[in-house]
């Protein structure tokens, strides 16, 4: 019967751990790709989002408990900067200014109120195709 040397046994045990970690890494990356884990930065204008944001966040967390939410209260121009810096992924804001409107996908929060929108940069690395305009 063939036996491993003590050095071979150590190598074998470390190789098994490495393969197990690789499997875990693949599964974790797949969960992140499905939106089950990760981080979501959300920009918002406080007064304009009070009527709906807390309920929306509760529902989202119930569906996606593994996603860490980072909330950033900011004015629209501040959200533009936060998008550029990668600090937020989506923003509840006013419609983007004319010079930036082509840079964002926009969904109106309320079909009767044009002043509040949900926006996300078109160039975002994890961006999925834009949803059709709909009530949120």
Protein backbone atom coordinates (compact mmCIF):
# COMPACT_ATOMS: atom_id res chain seq x y z
CA UNK A 1 0.00 0.00 0.00
CA UNK A 2 1.24 3.51 -0.89
CA UNK A 3 1.46 6.07 1.87
CA UNK A 4 2.03 9.79 1.73
CA UNK A 5 5.06 11.28 3.33
CA UNK A 6 4.35 13.72 6.19
CA UNK A 7 4.97 16.58 3.73
CA UNK A 8 2.67 14.96 1.17
CA UNK A 9 -0.07 14.56 3.81
CA UNK A 10 0.18 18.28 4.69
CA UNK A 11 0.04 19.19 1.00
CA UNK A 12 -2.97 16.90 0.45
CA UNK A 13 -4.90 18.43 3.37
CA UNK A 14 -4.16 21.98 2.15
CA UNK A 15 -5.19 21.07 -1.41
CA UNK A 16 -8.53 19.73 -0.12
CA UNK A 17 -9.10 23.01 1.76
CA UNK A 18 -8.19 25.01 -1.35
CA UNK A 19 -10.65 23.09 -3.51
CA UNK A 20 -13.41 23.48 -0.91
CA UNK A 21 -12.73 27.24 -0.77
CA UNK A 22 -12.85 27.44 -4.58
CA UNK A 23 -16.28 25.74 -4.55
CA UNK A 24 -17.48 28.18 -1.88
CA UNK A 25 -16.12 31.14 -3.87
CA UNK A 26 -18.00 30.02 -6.98
CA UNK A 27 -21.26 29.60 -5.04
CA UNK A 28 -20.81 32.99 -3.37
CA UNK A 29 -20.14 34.72 -6.69
CA UNK A 30 -23.24 33.08 -8.17
CA UNK A 31 -25.35 34.30 -5.23
CA UNK A 32 -24.00 37.82 -5.72
CA UNK A 33 -24.81 37.66 -9.44
CA UNK A 34 -28.39 36.68 -8.58
CA UNK A 35 -28.66 39.64 -6.19
CA UNK A 36 -29.00 37.45 -3.09
CA UNK A 37 -25.96 38.95 -1.35
CA UNK A 38 -23.86 42.06 -1.74
CA UNK A 39 -24.34 45.75 -1.19
CA UNK A 40 -26.75 48.27 -2.66
CA UNK A 41 -26.15 51.99 -2.29
CA UNK A 42 -29.36 54.01 -2.38
CA UNK A 43 -29.47 57.77 -2.70
CA UNK A 44 -32.62 59.62 -1.71
CA UNK A 45 -34.09 63.04 -1.07
CA UNK A 46 -35.48 62.75 2.45
CA UNK A 47 -38.67 64.76 2.32
CA UNK A 48 -39.65 63.45 -1.10
CA UNK A 49 -39.25 59.78 -0.18
CA UNK A 50 -40.81 59.66 3.30
CA UNK A 51 -44.21 58.51 2.00
CA UNK A 52 -42.88 55.28 0.47
CA UNK A 53 -39.20 54.57 1.14
CA UNK A 54 -39.43 52.87 4.55
CA UNK A 55 -42.06 50.37 3.33
CA UNK A 56 -40.08 49.75 0.16
CA UNK A 57 -36.88 49.08 2.13
CA UNK A 58 -38.67 46.70 4.53
CA UNK A 59 -40.08 44.72 1.60
CA UNK A 60 -36.70 44.63 -0.14
CA UNK A 61 -34.88 43.42 3.01
CA UNK A 62 -37.48 40.70 3.54
CA UNK A 63 -36.85 39.43 -0.01
CA UNK A 64 -33.06 39.99 -0.01
CA UNK A 65 -31.80 39.59 3.58
CA UNK A 66 -28.20 39.02 2.42
CA UNK A 67 -27.93 42.43 0.75
CA UNK A 68 -26.47 45.24 2.81
CA UNK A 69 -28.26 48.53 2.15
CA UNK A 70 -26.31 51.78 2.34
CA UNK A 71 -28.60 54.81 2.46
CA UNK A 72 -27.31 58.22 1.46
CA UNK A 73 -29.55 61.27 1.85
CA UNK A 74 -28.55 63.89 -0.68
CA UNK A 75 -29.81 66.56 -3.03
CA UNK A 76 -30.03 65.69 -6.76
CA UNK A 77 -26.67 67.25 -7.65
CA UNK A 78 -25.10 65.39 -4.73
CA UNK A 79 -26.55 62.15 -6.04
CA UNK A 80 -24.92 62.85 -9.43
CA UNK A 81 -21.56 63.08 -7.65
CA UNK A 82 -22.28 59.95 -5.59
CA UNK A 83 -23.12 58.04 -8.79
CA UNK A 84 -19.86 59.22 -10.37
CA UNK A 85 -17.88 58.08 -7.31
CA UNK A 86 -19.64 54.71 -7.17
CA UNK A 87 -21.09 55.48 -3.73
CA UNK A 88 -24.69 54.78 -4.78
CA UNK A 89 -26.19 52.37 -7.30
CA UNK A 90 -29.68 53.86 -7.54
CA UNK A 91 -31.21 57.14 -6.50
CA UNK A 92 -34.67 58.39 -5.63
CA UNK A 93 -34.44 61.91 -6.94
CA UNK A 94 -35.83 64.46 -9.35
CA UNK A 95 -35.46 63.89 -13.08
CA UNK A 96 -31.82 64.31 -14.17
CA UNK A 97 -30.79 67.64 -15.67
CA UNK A 98 -30.80 67.89 -19.46
CA UNK A 99 -27.00 67.61 -19.65
CA UNK A 100 -27.05 64.32 -17.68
CA UNK A 101 -30.36 62.76 -18.71
CA UNK A 102 -28.79 60.56 -21.39
CA UNK A 103 -26.50 59.05 -18.72
CA UNK A 104 -29.31 57.56 -16.66
CA UNK A 105 -32.12 55.05 -16.89
CA UNK A 106 -35.14 56.62 -15.23
CA UNK A 107 -38.38 55.17 -13.83
CA UNK A 108 -41.06 57.47 -12.51
CA UNK A 109 -42.00 56.66 -8.91
CA UNK A 110 -45.55 57.85 -9.42
CA UNK A 111 -47.27 58.04 -12.80
CA UNK A 112 -49.12 61.17 -11.66
CA UNK A 113 -46.14 62.98 -10.18
CA UNK A 114 -43.26 63.68 -12.57
CA UNK A 115 -41.04 65.20 -9.91
CA UNK A 116 -39.90 61.93 -8.28
CA UNK A 117 -37.95 59.32 -10.19
CA UNK A 118 -35.73 56.31 -9.57
CA UNK A 119 -32.53 56.57 -11.57
CA UNK A 120 -29.44 54.47 -12.17
CA UNK A 121 -26.38 55.21 -14.29
CA UNK A 122 -26.44 53.48 -17.68
CA UNK A 123 -22.75 52.62 -17.38
CA UNK A 124 -23.02 50.86 -13.99
CA UNK A 125 -20.88 47.71 -13.93
CA UNK A 126 -23.64 45.50 -12.52
CA UNK A 127 -26.46 47.08 -14.48
CA UNK A 128 -29.16 44.84 -15.88
CA UNK A 129 -31.38 45.99 -18.74
CA UNK A 130 -33.53 48.95 -17.72
CA UNK A 131 -37.05 48.16 -16.60
CA UNK A 132 -39.93 49.70 -18.47
CA UNK A 133 -41.27 52.86 -16.86
CA UNK A 134 -43.64 51.71 -14.16
CA UNK A 135 -45.06 52.70 -10.86
CA UNK A 136 -42.80 51.78 -7.97
